[in-house]
């Protein structure tokens, strides 16, 4: 039976195991930064943000198996990039609106 190609490549257990272990380590790093109170609030925020970004990349690469090996895979990459552009636009626009509302309501 021929399986359809969705651009995700070959399923391998090693990739999933690497993804799970990496995600657990990154979660423990963020949790440890908060619970240890060794860092300032700004440093803790940077550690959490960096761990979250790296964990996002690990999950996209290991579990969604996003790659550029086939035409369908390149289409998948373009779709996720477009989604990220829209998401960033919405978040930055929302923050800008809230900042302006706060400024004009308080002054």
N, C-alpha and C. Protein backbone atom coordinates (compact mmCIF):
# COMPACT_ATOMS: atom_id res chain seq x y z
N UNK A 1 0.84 -1.18 0.00
CA UNK A 1 0.00 0.00 0.00
C UNK A 1 0.89 1.24 0.00
N UNK A 2 0.63 2.16 -0.88
CA UNK A 2 1.41 3.38 -1.00
C UNK A 2 0.86 4.45 -0.07
N UNK A 3 1.72 4.96 0.83
CA UNK A 3 1.29 6.03 1.73
C UNK A 3 1.49 7.37 1.05
N UNK A 4 0.54 8.30 1.24
CA UNK A 4 0.70 9.62 0.63
C UNK A 4 1.84 10.40 1.28
N UNK A 5 2.50 11.23 0.49
CA UNK A 5 3.59 12.06 1.00
C UNK A 5 3.04 13.44 1.33
N UNK A 6 3.11 13.79 2.60
CA UNK A 6 2.67 15.11 3.03
C UNK A 6 3.85 16.03 3.29
N UNK A 7 5.03 15.64 2.84
CA UNK A 7 6.21 16.45 3.01
C UNK A 7 6.85 16.32 4.37
N UNK A 8 6.47 15.30 5.13
CA UNK A 8 7.00 15.16 6.48
C UNK A 8 8.16 14.20 6.57
N UNK A 9 8.45 13.49 5.52
CA UNK A 9 9.59 12.59 5.52
C UNK A 9 9.32 11.28 6.23
N UNK A 10 10.38 10.53 6.43
CA UNK A 10 10.32 9.20 7.04
C UNK A 10 10.10 9.31 8.55
N UNK A 11 9.22 8.49 9.08
CA UNK A 11 9.01 8.45 10.53
C UNK A 11 10.13 7.64 11.17
N UNK A 12 10.80 8.24 12.16
CA UNK A 12 11.88 7.56 12.87
C UNK A 12 11.69 7.77 14.36
N UNK A 13 11.84 6.71 15.13
CA UNK A 13 11.67 6.78 16.57
C UNK A 13 12.71 7.69 17.21
N UNK A 14 13.92 7.73 16.67
CA UNK A 14 14.99 8.53 17.25
C UNK A 14 14.62 10.01 17.28
N UNK A 15 13.96 10.49 16.23
CA UNK A 15 13.58 11.90 16.17
C UNK A 15 12.56 12.22 17.27
N UNK A 16 11.60 11.33 17.47
CA UNK A 16 10.60 11.56 18.51
C UNK A 16 11.22 11.52 19.90
N UNK A 17 12.12 10.58 20.14
CA UNK A 17 12.77 10.47 21.44
C UNK A 17 13.62 11.72 21.71
N UNK A 18 14.37 12.16 20.70
CA UNK A 18 15.16 13.39 20.83
C UNK A 18 14.25 14.57 21.15
N UNK A 19 13.11 14.66 20.47
CA UNK A 19 12.17 15.75 20.71
C UNK A 19 11.61 15.74 22.12
N UNK A 20 11.22 14.58 22.61
CA UNK A 20 10.67 14.48 23.96
C UNK A 20 11.72 14.86 25.00
N UNK A 21 12.92 14.32 24.86
CA UNK A 21 13.99 14.61 25.83
C UNK A 21 14.35 16.10 25.79
N UNK A 22 14.45 16.68 24.61
CA UNK A 22 14.76 18.10 24.49
C UNK A 22 13.67 18.97 25.12
N UNK A 23 12.43 18.62 24.87
CA UNK A 23 11.32 19.41 25.45
C UNK A 23 11.30 19.31 26.97
N UNK A 24 11.57 18.13 27.49
CA UNK A 24 11.61 17.97 28.95
C UNK A 24 12.74 18.80 29.54
N UNK A 25 13.91 18.77 28.92
CA UNK A 25 15.05 19.54 29.42
C UNK A 25 14.76 21.03 29.38
N UNK A 26 14.19 21.51 28.29
CA UNK A 26 13.87 22.93 28.18
C UNK A 26 12.81 23.35 29.18
N UNK A 27 11.85 22.48 29.45
CA UNK A 27 10.83 22.78 30.45
C UNK A 27 11.45 22.85 31.85
N UNK A 28 12.34 21.93 32.15
CA UNK A 28 13.01 21.92 33.45
C UNK A 28 13.89 23.17 33.61
N UNK A 29 14.53 23.60 32.54
CA UNK A 29 15.35 24.83 32.60
C UNK A 29 14.47 26.03 32.96
N UNK A 30 13.35 26.18 32.28
CA UNK A 30 12.45 27.30 32.57
C UNK A 30 11.89 27.20 33.99
N UNK A 31 11.48 26.02 34.39
CA UNK A 31 10.94 25.81 35.74
C UNK A 31 12.00 26.09 36.80
N UNK A 32 13.21 25.62 36.55
CA UNK A 32 14.30 25.85 37.49
C UNK A 32 14.65 27.33 37.62
N UNK A 33 14.59 28.06 36.52
CA UNK A 33 14.89 29.49 36.56
C UNK A 33 13.87 30.23 37.42
N UNK A 34 12.63 29.81 37.37
CA UNK A 34 11.59 30.46 38.17
C UNK A 34 11.69 30.05 39.64
N UNK A 35 11.86 28.78 39.89
CA UNK A 35 11.82 28.28 41.26
C UNK A 35 13.10 28.57 42.05
N UNK A 36 14.23 28.69 41.40
CA UNK A 36 15.49 28.88 42.12
C UNK A 36 15.66 30.30 42.64
N UNK A 37 15.05 31.26 41.99
CA UNK A 37 15.16 32.69 42.34
C UNK A 37 16.61 33.17 42.36
N UNK A 38 17.46 32.57 41.54
CA UNK A 38 18.85 33.00 41.42
C UNK A 38 18.98 34.20 40.49
N UNK A 39 18.00 34.38 39.63
CA UNK A 39 18.08 35.40 38.59
C UNK A 39 17.11 36.53 38.89
N UNK A 40 17.39 37.69 38.31
CA UNK A 40 16.45 38.81 38.44
C UNK A 40 15.20 38.51 37.60
N UNK A 41 14.21 39.35 37.74
CA UNK A 41 12.96 39.14 36.99
C UNK A 41 13.22 39.21 35.49
N UNK A 42 14.04 40.16 35.07
CA UNK A 42 14.33 40.31 33.64
C UNK A 42 15.12 39.12 33.10
N UNK A 43 16.09 38.65 33.85
CA UNK A 43 16.87 37.49 33.42
C UNK A 43 15.99 36.24 33.36
N UNK A 44 15.11 36.10 34.34
CA UNK A 44 14.19 34.95 34.35
C UNK A 44 13.27 35.00 33.13
N UNK A 45 12.76 36.19 32.81
CA UNK A 45 11.91 36.34 31.63
C UNK A 45 12.67 35.97 30.36
N UNK A 46 13.91 36.39 30.25
CA UNK A 46 14.72 36.07 29.06
C UNK A 46 14.95 34.57 28.97
N UNK A 47 15.24 33.92 30.10
CA UNK A 47 15.46 32.48 30.10
C UNK A 47 14.19 31.74 29.67
N UNK A 48 13.05 32.15 30.22
CA UNK A 48 11.79 31.50 29.87
C UNK A 48 11.47 31.72 28.39
N UNK A 49 11.66 32.94 27.91
CA UNK A 49 11.37 33.25 26.51
C UNK A 49 12.28 32.46 25.57
N UNK A 50 13.57 32.39 25.89
CA UNK A 50 14.51 31.64 25.05
C UNK A 50 14.17 30.15 25.05
N UNK A 51 13.86 29.60 26.23
CA UNK A 51 13.49 28.18 26.31
C UNK A 51 12.22 27.90 25.53
N UNK A 52 11.26 28.82 25.58
CA UNK A 52 10.01 28.64 24.84
C UNK A 52 10.24 28.68 23.34
N UNK A 53 11.07 29.60 22.87
CA UNK A 53 11.36 29.69 21.44
C UNK A 53 12.10 28.44 20.94
N UNK A 54 13.07 28.00 21.70
CA UNK A 54 13.81 26.79 21.31
C UNK A 54 12.89 25.58 21.34
N UNK A 55 12.01 25.51 22.35
CA UNK A 55 11.08 24.39 22.44
C UNK A 55 10.10 24.40 21.26
N UNK A 56 9.68 25.58 20.83
CA UNK A 56 8.81 25.68 19.66
C UNK A 56 9.52 25.11 18.43
N UNK A 57 10.78 25.48 18.24
CA UNK A 57 11.53 24.97 17.09
C UNK A 57 11.71 23.45 17.17
N UNK A 58 12.01 22.94 18.36
CA UNK A 58 12.17 21.50 18.54
C UNK A 58 10.87 20.78 18.19
N UNK A 59 9.75 21.30 18.67
CA UNK A 59 8.47 20.64 18.40
C UNK A 59 8.10 20.69 16.92
N UNK A 60 8.39 21.81 16.27
CA UNK A 60 8.09 21.91 14.84
C UNK A 60 8.97 20.96 14.03
N UNK A 61 10.23 20.89 14.37
CA UNK A 61 11.15 20.04 13.60
C UNK A 61 11.00 18.56 13.92
N UNK A 62 10.80 18.22 15.19
CA UNK A 62 10.78 16.81 15.58
C UNK A 62 9.39 16.18 15.46
N UNK A 63 8.35 16.90 15.87
CA UNK A 63 7.02 16.30 15.90
C UNK A 63 6.22 16.59 14.64
N UNK A 64 6.31 17.81 14.11
CA UNK A 64 5.66 18.10 12.83
C UNK A 64 6.55 17.73 11.65
N UNK A 65 7.83 17.48 11.93
CA UNK A 65 8.83 17.08 10.94
C UNK A 65 8.85 18.03 9.75
N UNK A 66 8.93 19.32 10.05
CA UNK A 66 8.96 20.34 9.03
C UNK A 66 10.35 20.34 8.39
N UNK A 67 10.41 20.21 7.07
CA UNK A 67 11.68 20.21 6.34
C UNK A 67 11.47 20.79 4.95
N UNK A 68 12.50 20.80 4.15
CA UNK A 68 12.40 21.36 2.79
C UNK A 68 12.86 20.36 1.74
N UNK A 69 12.69 19.07 2.00
CA UNK A 69 13.22 18.05 1.09
C UNK A 69 12.35 17.83 -0.15
N UNK A 70 11.06 18.06 -0.06
CA UNK A 70 10.16 17.86 -1.21
C UNK A 70 9.37 19.13 -1.45
N UNK A 71 8.64 19.15 -2.55
CA UNK A 71 7.81 20.32 -2.88
C UNK A 71 6.71 20.53 -1.85
N UNK A 72 6.09 19.45 -1.42
CA UNK A 72 5.04 19.57 -0.39
C UNK A 72 5.64 20.07 0.93
N UNK A 73 6.84 19.64 1.25
CA UNK A 73 7.49 20.09 2.48
C UNK A 73 7.80 21.58 2.42
N UNK A 74 8.22 22.07 1.25
CA UNK A 74 8.47 23.50 1.10
C UNK A 74 7.18 24.29 1.23
N UNK A 75 6.09 23.75 0.73
CA UNK A 75 4.79 24.39 0.89
C UNK A 75 4.40 24.45 2.36
N UNK A 76 4.69 23.38 3.11
CA UNK A 76 4.42 23.37 4.55
C UNK A 76 5.22 24.44 5.27
N UNK A 77 6.50 24.61 4.89
CA UNK A 77 7.34 25.63 5.51
C UNK A 77 6.79 27.02 5.21
N UNK A 78 6.39 27.26 3.98
CA UNK A 78 5.82 28.56 3.62
C UNK A 78 4.53 28.83 4.39
N UNK A 79 3.73 27.80 4.60
CA UNK A 79 2.48 27.96 5.34
C UNK A 79 2.75 28.35 6.78
N UNK A 80 3.72 27.72 7.41
CA UNK A 80 4.02 28.05 8.81
C UNK A 80 4.66 29.43 8.92
N UNK A 81 5.48 29.81 7.94
CA UNK A 81 6.06 31.16 7.95
C UNK A 81 4.97 32.22 7.80
N UNK A 82 4.01 31.98 6.92
CA UNK A 82 2.90 32.91 6.75
C UNK A 82 2.09 33.02 8.03
N UNK A 83 1.86 31.87 8.69
CA UNK A 83 1.14 31.87 9.96
C UNK A 83 1.89 32.68 11.01
N UNK A 84 3.21 32.53 11.06
CA UNK A 84 4.01 33.29 12.02
C UNK A 84 3.97 34.79 11.73
N UNK A 85 3.99 35.17 10.47
CA UNK A 85 3.91 36.59 10.11
C UNK A 85 2.57 37.17 10.57
N UNK A 86 1.49 36.45 10.33
CA UNK A 86 0.17 36.91 10.76
C UNK A 86 0.11 36.99 12.28
N UNK A 87 0.65 35.99 12.98
CA UNK A 87 0.63 35.98 14.44
C UNK A 87 1.43 37.15 15.01
N UNK A 88 2.61 37.40 14.48
CA UNK A 88 3.43 38.52 14.96
C UNK A 88 2.73 39.84 14.69
N UNK A 89 2.10 39.98 13.54
CA UNK A 89 1.38 41.20 13.21
C UNK A 89 0.23 41.45 14.19
N UNK A 90 -0.50 40.41 14.51
CA UNK A 90 -1.62 40.55 15.44
C UNK A 90 -1.12 40.90 16.84
N UNK A 91 -0.08 40.24 17.31
CA UNK A 91 0.44 40.51 18.65
C UNK A 91 1.00 41.92 18.75
N UNK A 92 1.84 42.31 17.79
CA UNK A 92 2.42 43.66 17.83
C UNK A 92 1.35 44.72 17.67
N UNK A 93 0.40 44.50 16.79
CA UNK A 93 -0.70 45.45 16.63
C UNK A 93 -1.53 45.58 17.89
N UNK A 94 -1.80 44.48 18.55
CA UNK A 94 -2.57 44.52 19.80
C UNK A 94 -1.82 45.26 20.89
N UNK A 95 -0.51 45.00 21.00
CA UNK A 95 0.29 45.72 22.00
C UNK A 95 0.35 47.21 21.71
N UNK A 96 0.45 47.56 20.45
CA UNK A 96 0.49 48.97 20.05
C UNK A 96 -0.83 49.66 20.41
N UNK A 97 -1.94 49.01 20.11
CA UNK A 97 -3.25 49.57 20.43
C UNK A 97 -3.42 49.73 21.94
N UNK A 98 -3.03 48.69 22.70
CA UNK A 98 -3.17 48.79 24.16
C UNK A 98 -2.28 49.88 24.74
N UNK A 99 -1.05 50.04 24.22
CA UNK A 99 -0.17 51.08 24.70
C UNK A 99 -0.77 52.46 24.41
N UNK A 100 -1.29 52.65 23.19
CA UNK A 100 -1.90 53.93 22.83
C UNK A 100 -3.14 54.22 23.68
N UNK A 101 -3.97 53.21 23.90
CA UNK A 101 -5.14 53.41 24.75
C UNK A 101 -4.72 53.80 26.16
N UNK A 102 -3.73 53.12 26.70
CA UNK A 102 -3.24 53.46 28.04
C UNK A 102 -2.70 54.88 28.08
N UNK A 103 -1.92 55.25 27.09
CA UNK A 103 -1.33 56.59 27.04
C UNK A 103 -2.40 57.66 26.98
N UNK A 104 -3.38 57.53 26.08
CA UNK A 104 -4.39 58.55 25.90
C UNK A 104 -5.44 58.55 27.01
N UNK A 105 -5.63 57.44 27.71
CA UNK A 105 -6.57 57.43 28.82
C UNK A 105 -5.94 58.04 30.07
N UNK A 106 -4.62 57.94 30.21
CA UNK A 106 -3.97 58.43 31.42
C UNK A 106 -3.48 59.88 31.28
N UNK A 107 -3.40 60.40 30.06
CA UNK A 107 -2.89 61.78 29.89
C UNK A 107 -3.96 62.69 29.35
